[in-house]
PDB file of N, CA and C in Angstrom:
ATOM      1  N   MET A   1     -18.976 -15.401  -4.764  1.00  0.00           N
ATOM      2  CA  MET A   1     -19.299 -14.416  -3.646  1.00  0.00           C
ATOM      3  C   MET A   1     -18.318 -14.232  -2.708  1.00  0.00           C
ATOM      4  N   GLY A   2     -18.058 -14.922  -1.886  1.00  0.00           N
ATOM      5  CA  GLY A   2     -17.276 -15.172  -0.899  1.00  0.00           C
ATOM      6  C   GLY A   2     -15.492 -14.510  -1.135  1.00  0.00           C
ATOM      7  N   GLU A   3     -15.746 -14.835  -2.566  1.00  0.00           N
ATOM      8  CA  GLU A   3     -14.025 -14.506  -2.859  1.00  0.00           C
ATOM      9  C   GLU A   3     -14.040 -12.771  -2.958  1.00  0.00           C
ATOM     10  N   HIS A   4     -15.021 -12.312  -3.591  1.00  0.00           N
ATOM     11  CA  HIS A   4     -15.329 -10.877  -3.936  1.00  0.00           C
ATOM     12  C   HIS A   4     -15.038 -10.228  -2.419  1.00  0.00           C
ATOM     13  N   MET A   5     -16.046 -10.528  -1.389  1.00  0.00           N
ATOM     14  CA  MET A   5     -15.732 -10.014  -0.414  1.00  0.00           C
ATOM     15  C   MET A   5     -14.185 -10.316   0.316  1.00  0.00           C
ATOM     16  N   GLN A   6     -13.511 -11.314   0.280  1.00  0.00           N
ATOM     17  CA  GLN A   6     -12.463 -11.427   0.939  1.00  0.00           C
ATOM     18  C   GLN A   6     -11.041  -9.941  -0.261  1.00  0.00           C
ATOM     19  N   MET A   7     -11.654 -10.336  -1.073  1.00  0.00           N
ATOM     20  CA  MET A   7     -10.445  -8.894  -2.073  1.00  0.00           C
ATOM     21  C   MET A   7     -11.078  -7.404  -1.558  1.00  0.00           C
ATOM     22  N   GLY A   8     -12.511  -7.555  -1.295  1.00  0.00           N
ATOM     23  CA  GLY A   8     -12.728  -6.064  -0.820  1.00  0.00           C
ATOM     24  C   GLY A   8     -12.129  -6.180   0.559  1.00  0.00           C
ATOM     25  N   VAL A   9     -11.975  -6.582   1.502  1.00  0.00           N
ATOM     26  CA  VAL A   9     -11.334  -6.672   2.831  1.00  0.00           C
ATOM     27  C   VAL A   9      -9.923  -6.438   2.485  1.00  0.00           C
ATOM     28  N   ALA A  10      -9.050  -7.559   1.917  1.00  0.00           N
ATOM     29  CA  ALA A  10      -8.112  -7.285   1.699  1.00  0.00           C
ATOM     30  C   ALA A  10      -7.117  -6.035   0.754  1.00  0.00           C
ATOM     31  N   VAL A  11      -8.149  -5.511  -0.122  1.00  0.00           N
ATOM     32  CA  VAL A  11      -7.555  -3.995  -0.350  1.00  0.00           C
ATOM     33  C   VAL A  11      -8.080  -3.205   0.634  1.00  0.00           C
ATOM     34  N   ALA A  12      -8.987  -3.030   1.417  1.00  0.00           N
ATOM     35  CA  ALA A  12      -8.982  -2.374   2.458  1.00  0.00           C
ATOM     36  C   ALA A  12      -7.768  -2.039   3.731  1.00  0.00           C
ATOM     37  N   THR A  13      -7.452  -3.589   4.074  1.00  0.00           N
ATOM     38  CA  THR A  13      -6.391  -3.697   4.917  1.00  0.00           C
ATOM     39  C   THR A  13      -5.136  -3.355   4.356  1.00  0.00           C
ATOM     40  N   VAL A  14      -4.889  -3.481   3.075  1.00  0.00           N
ATOM     41  CA  VAL A  14      -3.813  -3.090   2.743  1.00  0.00           C
ATOM     42  C   VAL A  14      -3.651  -1.613   2.409  1.00  0.00           C
ATOM     43  N   ASN A  15      -4.766  -1.099   1.840  1.00  0.00           N
ATOM     44  CA  ASN A  15      -4.329   0.582   1.324  1.00  0.00           C
ATOM     45  C   ASN A  15      -4.511   1.272   2.532  1.00  0.00           C
ATOM     46  N   THR A  16      -4.850   1.191   3.842  1.00  0.00           N
ATOM     47  CA  THR A  16      -5.009   2.244   4.908  1.00  0.00           C
ATOM     48  C   THR A  16      -3.578   2.233   5.613  1.00  0.00           C
ATOM     49  N   PRO A  17      -2.837   1.200   5.751  1.00  0.00           N
ATOM     50  CA  PRO A  17      -1.545   1.124   6.253  1.00  0.00           C
ATOM     51  C   PRO A  17      -0.613   2.029   5.497  1.00  0.00           C
ATOM     52  N   ILE A  18      -0.927   1.789   3.890  1.00  0.00           N
ATOM     53  CA  ILE A  18      -0.029   2.415   2.991  1.00  0.00           C
ATOM     54  C   ILE A  18      -0.144   3.582   2.819  1.00  0.00           C
ATOM     55  N   ILE A  19      -1.361   4.226   2.730  1.00  0.00           N
ATOM     56  CA  ILE A  19      -1.757   5.506   2.905  1.00  0.00           C
ATOM     57  C   ILE A  19      -1.231   6.243   4.225  1.00  0.00           C
ATOM     58  N   THR A  20      -1.372   5.896   5.266  1.00  0.00           N
ATOM     59  CA  THR A  20      -1.064   6.258   7.019  1.00  0.00           C
ATOM     60  C   THR A  20       0.383   6.242   6.517  1.00  0.00           C
ATOM     61  N   LEU A  21       1.321   5.423   6.211  1.00  0.00           N
ATOM     62  CA  LEU A  21       2.794   5.531   6.121  1.00  0.00           C
ATOM     63  C   LEU A  21       3.006   6.544   4.895  1.00  0.00           C
ATOM     64  N   MET A  22       2.615   6.625   4.157  1.00  0.00           N
ATOM     65  CA  MET A  22       2.457   7.679   2.887  1.00  0.00           C
ATOM     66  C   MET A  22       2.306   9.204   3.879  1.00  0.00           C
ATOM     67  N   GLN A  23       1.253   9.437   4.568  1.00  0.00           N
ATOM     68  CA  GLN A  23       1.314  10.423   4.879  1.00  0.00           C
ATOM     69  C   GLN A  23       2.333  10.868   6.473  1.00  0.00           C
ATOM     70  N   GLN A  24       2.907   9.771   6.772  1.00  0.00           N
ATOM     71  CA  GLN A  24       3.499   9.993   7.612  1.00  0.00           C
ATOM     72  C   GLN A  24       4.997  10.014   7.056  1.00  0.00           C
ATOM     73  N   MET A  25       5.424   9.766   6.252  1.00  0.00           N
ATOM     74  CA  MET A  25       6.875   9.893   5.686  1.00  0.00           C
ATOM     75  C   MET A  25       6.962  11.137   4.843  1.00  0.00           C
ATOM     76  N   VAL A  26       5.931  11.306   3.886  1.00  0.00           N
ATOM     77  CA  VAL A  26       6.361  12.717   2.907  1.00  0.00           C
ATOM     78  C   VAL A  26       6.074  13.603   3.542  1.00  0.00           C
ATOM     79  N   PRO A  27       6.661  14.777   3.207  1.00  0.00           N
ATOM     80  CA  PRO A  27       6.637  15.960   3.687  1.00  0.00           C
ATOM     81  C   PRO A  27       5.613  16.511   3.275  1.00  0.00           C
ATOM     82  N   PRO A  28       5.050  17.197   4.162  1.00  0.00           N
ATOM     83  CA  PRO A  28       3.297  17.701   3.766  1.00  0.00           C
ATOM     84  C   PRO A  28       3.352  18.739   2.545  1.00  0.00           C
ATOM     85  N   ALA A  29       4.089  19.340   2.404  1.00  0.00           N
ATOM     86  CA  ALA A  29       4.549  19.997   0.908  1.00  0.00           C
ATOM     87  C   ALA A  29       4.243  19.376  -0.354  1.00  0.00           C
ATOM     88  N   PHE A  30       4.520  18.034  -0.241  1.00  0.00           N
ATOM     89  CA  PHE A  30       4.665  17.142  -1.609  1.00  0.00           C
ATOM     90  C   PHE A  30       3.137  16.251  -1.154  1.00  0.00           C
ATOM     91  N   LEU A  31       2.459  16.408  -0.238  1.00  0.00           N
ATOM     92  CA  LEU A  31       1.208  15.087  -0.098  1.00  0.00           C
ATOM     93  C   LEU A  31       0.488  15.411  -1.247  1.00  0.00           C
ATOM     94  N   GLY A  32       0.025  16.340  -1.807  1.00  0.00           N
ATOM     95  CA  GLY A  32      -0.762  16.610  -2.929  1.00  0.00           C
ATOM     96  C   GLY A  32       0.047  15.974  -4.001  1.00  0.00           C
ATOM     97  N   ARG A  33       0.919  16.618  -4.427  1.00  0.00           N
ATOM     98  CA  ARG A  33       1.557  15.899  -5.367  1.00  0.00           C
ATOM     99  C   ARG A  33       1.707  14.488  -5.513  1.00  0.00           C
ATOM    100  N   THR A  34       2.540  13.860  -4.368  1.00  0.00           N
ATOM    101  CA  THR A  34       2.570  12.642  -4.638  1.00  0.00           C
ATOM    102  C   THR A  34       1.463  11.459  -4.256  1.00  0.00           C
ATOM    103  N   PHE A  35       0.373  12.027  -3.528  1.00  0.00           N
ATOM    104  CA  PHE A  35      -0.895  11.516  -3.684  1.00  0.00           C
ATOM    105  C   PHE A  35      -1.471  11.343  -5.279  1.00  0.00           C
ATOM    106  N   SER A  36      -1.619  12.749  -6.182  1.00  0.00           N
ATOM    107  CA  SER A  36      -1.574  12.643  -7.167  1.00  0.00           C
ATOM    108  C   SER A  36      -1.017  11.503  -8.486  1.00  0.00           C
ATOM    109  N   VAL A  37       0.064  11.391  -7.991  1.00  0.00           N
ATOM    110  CA  VAL A  37       0.834  10.318  -9.158  1.00  0.00           C
ATOM    111  C   VAL A  37       0.151   9.154  -8.501  1.00  0.00           C
ATOM    112  N   LEU A  38       0.074   9.003  -7.033  1.00  0.00           N
ATOM    113  CA  LEU A  38      -0.548   7.600  -6.665  1.00  0.00           C
ATOM    114  C   LEU A  38      -1.668   6.996  -7.450  1.00  0.00           C
ATOM    115  N   MET A  39      -2.495   7.996  -7.510  1.00  0.00           N
ATOM    116  CA  MET A  39      -3.784   8.311  -8.061  1.00  0.00           C
ATOM    117  C   MET A  39      -3.669   7.768  -9.646  1.00  0.00           C
ATOM    118  N   THR A  40      -3.250   8.797 -10.254  1.00  0.00           N
ATOM    119  CA  THR A  40      -2.823   8.936 -11.472  1.00  0.00           C
ATOM    120  C   THR A  40      -2.360   7.275 -12.275  1.00  0.00           C
ATOM    121  N   VAL A  41      -1.314   6.707 -11.344  1.00  0.00           N
ATOM    122  CA  VAL A  41      -0.862   5.456 -11.699  1.00  0.00           C
ATOM    123  C   VAL A  41      -1.780   4.424 -11.530  1.00  0.00           C
ATOM    124  N   ALA A  42      -2.871   4.625  -9.996  1.00  0.00           N
ATOM    125  CA  ALA A  42      -3.606   3.613 -10.185  1.00  0.00           C
ATOM    126  C   ALA A  42      -4.760   3.682 -11.041  1.00  0.00           C
ATOM    127  N   THR A  43      -5.084   4.641 -11.614  1.00  0.00           N
ATOM    128  CA  THR A  43      -5.968   4.873 -12.390  1.00  0.00           C
ATOM    129  C   THR A  43      -5.793   4.318 -13.715  1.00  0.00           C
ATOM    130  N   LEU A  44      -4.377   4.498 -13.883  1.00  0.00           N
ATOM    131  CA  LEU A  44      -3.637   3.698 -15.586  1.00  0.00           C
ATOM    132  C   LEU A  44      -3.488   2.692 -15.620  1.00  0.00           C
ATOM    133  N   GLY A  45      -3.508   1.969 -14.455  1.00  0.00           N
ATOM    134  CA  GLY A  45      -3.074   0.478 -14.420  1.00  0.00           C
ATOM    135  C   GLY A  45      -4.055  -0.294 -14.376  1.00  0.00           C
ATOM    136  N   MET A  46      -5.332   0.238 -14.158  1.00  0.00           N
ATOM    137  CA  MET A  46      -6.556  -0.576 -14.076  1.00  0.00           C
ATOM    138  C   MET A  46      -6.907  -1.106 -15.574  1.00  0.00           C
ATOM    139  N   PRO A  47      -7.147  -0.019 -16.687  1.00  0.00           N
ATOM    140  CA  PRO A  47      -7.263  -1.023 -18.098  1.00  0.00           C
ATOM    141  C   PRO A  47      -6.239  -1.366 -18.478  1.00  0.00           C
ATOM    142  N   VAL A  48      -4.787  -1.123 -17.908  1.00  0.00           N
ATOM    143  CA  VAL A  48      -3.807  -1.964 -18.469  1.00  0.00           C
ATOM    144  C   VAL A  48      -4.223  -3.499 -18.164  1.00  0.00           C
ATOM    145  N   THR A  49      -4.016  -3.244 -17.023  1.00  0.00           N
ATOM    146  CA  THR A  49      -4.201  -4.690 -16.087  1.00  0.00           C
ATOM    147  C   THR A  49      -5.227  -5.448 -17.042  1.00  0.00           C
ATOM    148  N   LEU A  50      -6.861  -4.983 -16.712  1.00  0.00           N
ATOM    149  CA  LEU A  50      -7.821  -5.854 -17.579  1.00  0.00           C
ATOM    150  C   LEU A  50      -7.415  -5.913 -19.103  1.00  0.00           C
ATOM    151  N   LEU A  51      -6.561  -5.246 -19.926  1.00  0.00           N
ATOM    152  CA  LEU A  51      -6.181  -5.508 -21.144  1.00  0.00           C
ATOM    153  C   LEU A  51      -5.211  -7.261 -21.116  1.00  0.00           C
ATOM    154  N   ALA A  52      -4.285  -6.871 -20.211  1.00  0.00           N
ATOM    155  CA  ALA A  52      -3.173  -7.851 -20.220  1.00  0.00           C
ATOM    156  C   ALA A  52      -3.529  -9.276 -19.329  1.00  0.00           C
ATOM    157  N   ILE A  53      -4.475  -9.200 -18.322  1.00  0.00           N
ATOM    158  CA  ILE A  53      -5.493 -10.484 -17.669  1.00  0.00           C
ATOM    159  C   ILE A  53      -6.394 -10.889 -18.312  1.00  0.00           C
ATOM    160  N   SER A  54      -7.153 -10.566 -19.157  1.00  0.00           N
ATOM    161  CA  SER A  54      -8.337 -10.743 -19.697  1.00  0.00           C
ATOM    162  C   SER A  54      -7.993 -12.522 -20.582  1.00  0.00           C
ATOM    163  N   PRO A  55      -7.265 -12.415 -20.931  1.00  0.00           N
ATOM    164  CA  PRO A  55      -6.898 -13.719 -21.626  1.00  0.00           C
ATOM    165  C   PRO A  55      -6.557 -14.919 -20.689  1.00  0.00           C
ATOM    166  N   VAL A  56      -6.293 -14.399 -19.679  1.00  0.00           N
ATOM    167  CA  VAL A  56      -6.256 -15.670 -18.652  1.00  0.00           C
ATOM    168  C   VAL A  56      -7.083 -15.962 -17.862  1.00  0.00           C
ATOM    169  N   VAL A  57      -8.297 -14.759 -17.832  1.00  0.00           N
ATOM    170  CA  VAL A  57      -9.389 -15.338 -17.023  1.00  0.00           C
ATOM    171  C   VAL A  57     -10.294 -15.926 -17.833  1.00  0.00           C
ATOM    172  N   ASP A  58      -9.986 -15.442 -19.006  1.00  0.00           N
ATOM    173  CA  ASP A  58     -10.564 -17.015 -20.012  1.00  0.00           C
ATOM    174  C   ASP A  58     -10.603 -18.078 -20.099  1.00  0.00           C
ATOM    175  N   ARG A  59      -9.476 -18.419 -19.626  1.00  0.00           N
ATOM    176  CA  ARG A  59      -8.909 -19.721 -19.485  1.00  0.00           C
ATOM    177  C   ARG A  59      -9.254 -20.366 -18.071  1.00  0.00           C
ATOM    178  N   TYR A  60      -8.646 -19.679 -17.418  1.00  0.00           N
ATOM    179  CA  TYR A  60      -9.001 -20.220 -15.729  1.00  0.00           C
ATOM    180  C   TYR A  60     -10.211 -19.601 -14.907  1.00  0.00           C
ATOM    181  N   PRO A  61     -10.636 -19.820 -14.082  1.00  0.00           N
ATOM    182  CA  PRO A  61     -11.747 -19.537 -13.371  1.00  0.00           C
ATOM    183  C   PRO A  61     -11.116 -17.671 -12.513  1.00  0.00           C
ATOM    184  N   ALA A  62     -12.310 -17.148 -12.551  1.00  0.00           N
ATOM    185  CA  ALA A  62     -12.295 -15.674 -11.932  1.00  0.00           C
ATOM    186  C   ALA A  62     -11.694 -15.654 -10.476  1.00  0.00           C
ATOM    187  N   SER A  63     -12.167 -16.475 -10.001  1.00  0.00           N
ATOM    188  CA  SER A  63     -11.703 -16.788  -8.587  1.00  0.00           C
ATOM    189  C   SER A  63     -10.535 -16.773  -8.229  1.00  0.00           C
ATOM    190  N   LEU A  64     -10.103 -17.168  -9.285  1.00  0.00           N
ATOM    191  CA  LEU A  64      -8.283 -17.896  -8.793  1.00  0.00           C
ATOM    192  C   LEU A  64      -7.622 -16.942  -9.418  1.00  0.00           C
ATOM    193  N   PHE A  65      -8.077 -15.425 -10.376  1.00  0.00           N
ATOM    194  CA  PHE A  65      -7.227 -14.405 -10.139  1.00  0.00           C
ATOM    195  C   PHE A  65      -7.614 -13.495  -9.262  1.00  0.00           C
ATOM    196  N   PHE A  66      -9.035 -13.425  -8.424  1.00  0.00           N
ATOM    197  CA  PHE A  66      -8.920 -12.857  -7.542  1.00  0.00           C
ATOM    198  C   PHE A  66      -8.320 -13.196  -5.949  1.00  0.00           C
ATOM    199  N   THR A  67      -8.171 -14.520  -5.862  1.00  0.00           N
ATOM    200  CA  THR A  67      -7.111 -15.022  -4.799  1.00  0.00           C
ATOM    201  C   THR A  67      -5.717 -14.740  -5.257  1.00  0.00           C
ATOM    202  N   VAL A  68      -5.345 -15.194  -6.555  1.00  0.00           N
ATOM    203  CA  VAL A  68      -3.926 -14.642  -6.619  1.00  0.00           C
ATOM    204  C   VAL A  68      -3.381 -13.166  -6.500  1.00  0.00           C
ATOM    205  N   ALA A  69      -4.666 -12.263  -7.022  1.00  0.00           N
ATOM    206  CA  ALA A  69      -3.922 -10.851  -6.943  1.00  0.00           C
ATOM    207  C   ALA A  69      -4.238 -10.314  -5.531  1.00  0.00           C
ATOM    208  N   GLY A  70      -5.384 -10.601  -4.908  1.00  0.00           N
ATOM    209  CA  GLY A  70      -5.361 -10.259  -3.631  1.00  0.00           C
ATOM    210  C   GLY A  70      -3.960 -10.701  -2.510  1.00  0.00           C
ATOM    211  N   SER A  71      -3.574 -12.035  -2.965  1.00  0.00           N
ATOM    212  CA  SER A  71      -2.117 -12.515  -2.546  1.00  0.00           C
ATOM    213  C   SER A  71      -1.249 -11.683  -2.443  1.00  0.00           C
ATOM    214  N   VAL A  72      -0.948 -11.249  -3.936  1.00  0.00           N
ATOM    215  CA  VAL A  72      -0.121 -10.644  -4.348  1.00  0.00           C
ATOM    216  C   VAL A  72       0.039  -9.140  -3.765  1.00  0.00           C
ATOM    217  N   THR A  73      -0.845  -8.265  -3.757  1.00  0.00           N
ATOM    218  CA  THR A  73      -1.214  -7.090  -3.412  1.00  0.00           C
ATOM    219  C   THR A  73      -1.004  -7.253  -1.684  1.00  0.00           C
ATOM    220  N   LEU A  74      -1.658  -8.417  -0.929  1.00  0.00           N
ATOM    221  CA  LEU A  74      -1.107  -8.391   0.673  1.00  0.00           C
ATOM    222  C   LEU A  74       0.352  -8.608   0.268  1.00  0.00           C
ATOM    223  N   LEU A  75       1.002  -9.491   0.066  1.00  0.00           N
ATOM    224  CA  LEU A  75       2.721  -9.616   0.085  1.00  0.00           C
ATOM    225  C   LEU A  75       3.324  -8.344  -0.147  1.00  0.00           C
ATOM    226  N   MET A  76       2.795  -7.732  -1.271  1.00  0.00           N
ATOM    227  CA  MET A  76       3.974  -6.614  -1.794  1.00  0.00           C
ATOM    228  C   MET A  76       3.219  -5.401  -0.680  1.00  0.00           C
ATOM    229  N   ALA A  77       2.304  -5.056  -0.021  1.00  0.00           N
ATOM    230  CA  ALA A  77       2.133  -4.432   0.900  1.00  0.00           C
ATOM    231  C   ALA A  77       3.034  -4.803   2.412  1.00  0.00           C
ATOM    232  N   LEU A  78       3.021  -5.951   2.477  1.00  0.00           N
ATOM    233  CA  LEU A  78       3.829  -6.305   3.547  1.00  0.00           C
ATOM    234  C   LEU A  78       5.464  -6.292   3.828  1.00  0.00           C
ATOM    235  N   ALA A  79       5.819  -6.026   2.247  1.00  0.00           N
ATOM    236  CA  ALA A  79       7.147  -6.032   1.549  1.00  0.00           C
ATOM    237  C   ALA A  79       7.576  -4.779   1.536  1.00  0.00           C
ATOM    238  N   TRP A  80       6.796  -3.776   1.431  1.00  0.00           N
ATOM    239  CA  TRP A  80       6.809  -2.595   1.474  1.00  0.00           C
ATOM    240  C   TRP A  80       6.818  -1.794   2.954  1.00  0.00           C
ATOM    241  N   ALA A  81       6.142  -2.216   3.530  1.00  0.00           N
ATOM    242  CA  ALA A  81       5.785  -1.542   4.685  1.00  0.00           C
ATOM    243  C   ALA A  81       7.308  -2.040   5.400  1.00  0.00           C
ATOM    244  N   TRP A  82       7.577  -3.524   5.568  1.00  0.00           N
ATOM    245  CA  TRP A  82       8.893  -4.210   6.319  1.00  0.00           C
ATOM    246  C   TRP A  82       9.834  -2.987   5.930  1.00  0.00           C
ATOM    247  N   VAL A  83      10.045  -3.114   4.351  1.00  0.00           N
ATOM    248  CA  VAL A  83      11.481  -1.800   4.019  1.00  0.00           C
ATOM    249  C   VAL A  83      11.148  -0.564   4.564  1.00  0.00           C
ATOM    250  N   VAL A  84       9.964  -0.031   4.432  1.00  0.00           N
ATOM    251  CA  VAL A  84       9.450   1.413   5.265  1.00  0.00           C
ATOM    252  C   VAL A  84       9.981   1.577   6.741  1.00  0.00           C
ATOM    253  N   LEU A  85       9.468   0.354   7.521  1.00  0.00           N
ATOM    254  CA  LEU A  85       9.990   0.415   8.765  1.00  0.00           C
ATOM    255  C   LEU A  85      11.472   0.143   9.103  1.00  0.00           C
ATOM    256  N   SER A  86      11.924  -0.976   8.249  1.00  0.00           N
ATOM    257  CA  SER A  86      13.350  -1.354   8.604  1.00  0.00           C
ATOM    258  C   SER A  86      14.340   0.180   8.226  1.00  0.00           C
ATOM    259  N   GLU A  87      13.569   1.103   7.428  1.00  0.00           N
ATOM    260  CA  GLU A  87      14.896   2.293   6.832  1.00  0.00           C
ATOM    261  C   GLU A  87      14.600   3.007   8.152  1.00  0.00           C
ATOM    262  N   ARG A  88      13.881   3.441   9.029  1.00  0.00           N
ATOM    263  CA  ARG A  88      12.656   4.323   9.905  1.00  0.00           C
ATOM    264  C   ARG A  88      13.751   3.767  11.080  1.00  0.00           C
ATOM    265  N   GLY A  89      14.573   4.768  11.703  1.00  0.00           N
ATOM    266  CA  GLY A  89      15.345   4.944  12.902  1.00  0.00           C
ATOM    267  C   GLY A  89      14.310   4.818  14.343  1.00  0.00           C
ATOM    268  N   ALA A  90      14.834   4.418  15.013  1.00  0.00           N
ATOM    269  CA  ALA A  90      14.350   4.164  16.533  1.00  0.00           C
ATOM    270  C   ALA A  90      13.892   5.343  16.802  1.00  0.00           C
ATOM    271  N   PRO A  91      12.286   5.438  17.553  1.00  0.00           N
ATOM    272  CA  PRO A  91      12.242   6.546  18.206  1.00  0.00           C
ATOM    273  C   PRO A  91      13.159   7.360  19.126  1.00  0.00           C
ATOM    274  N   ASP A  92      13.246   8.500  19.240  1.00  0.00           N
ATOM    275  CA  ASP A  92      14.348   8.893  20.798  1.00  0.00           C
ATOM    276  C   ASP A  92      13.217   9.020  21.792  1.00  0.00           C
ATOM    277  N   LEU A  93      13.440   7.980  22.640  1.00  0.00           N
ATOM    278  CA  LEU A  93      12.181   8.247  23.756  1.00  0.00           C
ATOM    279  C   LEU A  93      12.975   9.316  24.859  1.00  0.00           C
ATOM    280  N   ASN A  94      13.622   9.437  25.039  1.00  0.00           N
ATOM    281  CA  ASN A  94      14.517  10.643  26.025  1.00  0.00           C
ATOM    282  C   ASN A  94      14.549  12.151  25.780  1.00  0.00           C
ATOM    283  N   VAL A  95      13.152  12.519  25.407  1.00  0.00           N
ATOM    284  CA  VAL A  95      13.064  13.642  24.955  1.00  0.00           C
ATOM    285  C   VAL A  95      13.522  14.457  26.258  1.00  0.00           C
ATOM    286  N   GLU A  96      12.633  14.476  27.072  1.00  0.00           N
ATOM    287  CA  GLU A  96      12.696  15.244  28.344  1.00  0.00           C
ATOM    288  C   GLU A  96      14.134  15.632  29.001  1.00  0.00           C
ATOM    289  N   ALA A  97      15.127  14.322  28.488  1.00  0.00           N
ATOM    290  CA  ALA A  97      16.839  14.631  28.989  1.00  0.00           C
ATOM    291  C   ALA A  97      17.497  15.721  27.938  1.00  0.00           C
ATOM    292  N   GLN A  98      16.795  15.765  26.872  1.00  0.00           N
ATOM    293  CA  GLN A  98      17.154  16.413  25.750  1.00  0.00           C
ATOM    294  C   GLN A  98      16.904  17.638  26.029  1.00  0.00           C
ATOM    295  N   THR A  99      15.659  17.931  26.588  1.00  0.00           N
ATOM    296  CA  THR A  99      15.217  19.670  26.565  1.00  0.00           C
ATOM    297  C   THR A  99      15.984  19.978  28.030  1.00  0.00           C
ATOM    298  N   ILE A 100      16.091  19.118  28.829  1.00  0.00           N
ATOM    299  CA  ILE A 100      16.469  19.668  30.222  1.00  0.00           C
ATOM    300  C   ILE A 100      18.115  19.955  29.978  1.00  0.00           C
ATOM    301  N   GLY A 101      18.828  19.011  29.164  1.00  0.00           N
ATOM    302  CA  GLY A 101      19.931  19.246  29.022  1.00  0.00           C
ATOM    303  C   GLY A 101      20.219  20.690  28.218  1.00  0.00           C
ATOM    304  N   ALA A 102      19.664  21.005  26.927  1.00  0.00           N
ATOM    305  CA  ALA A 102      19.342  22.185  26.706  1.00  0.00           C
ATOM    306  C   ALA A 102      18.985  23.359  27.052  1.00  0.00           C
ATOM    307  N   SER A 103      18.661  23.323  28.362  1.00  0.00           N
ATOM    308  CA  SER A 103      18.230  24.497  29.311  1.00  0.00           C
ATOM    309  C   SER A 103      19.618  25.240  29.834  1.00  0.00           C
TER     310      SER A 103
END
């Protein structure tokens, strides 16, 4: 029971920053298309993953599967966030000087 709760918390913890980053980085005109593709891939991925993983879960405890899946999900989200944040330019905090100089 505890593993299920941990998995739920991990998914919520990972999905929130991913969706937030996507909303910030994807141009507004492409948000609908981007999230449509994301949801389609996620929906198709569930049955395919279950088919691929079911023989493994038959041999090992299900809690091990949830622990590994949650850990991989968290690591991939952290890696993705690191890549996105490293590609982002530093914010220009000198906005006031730019508007004064432009006048």
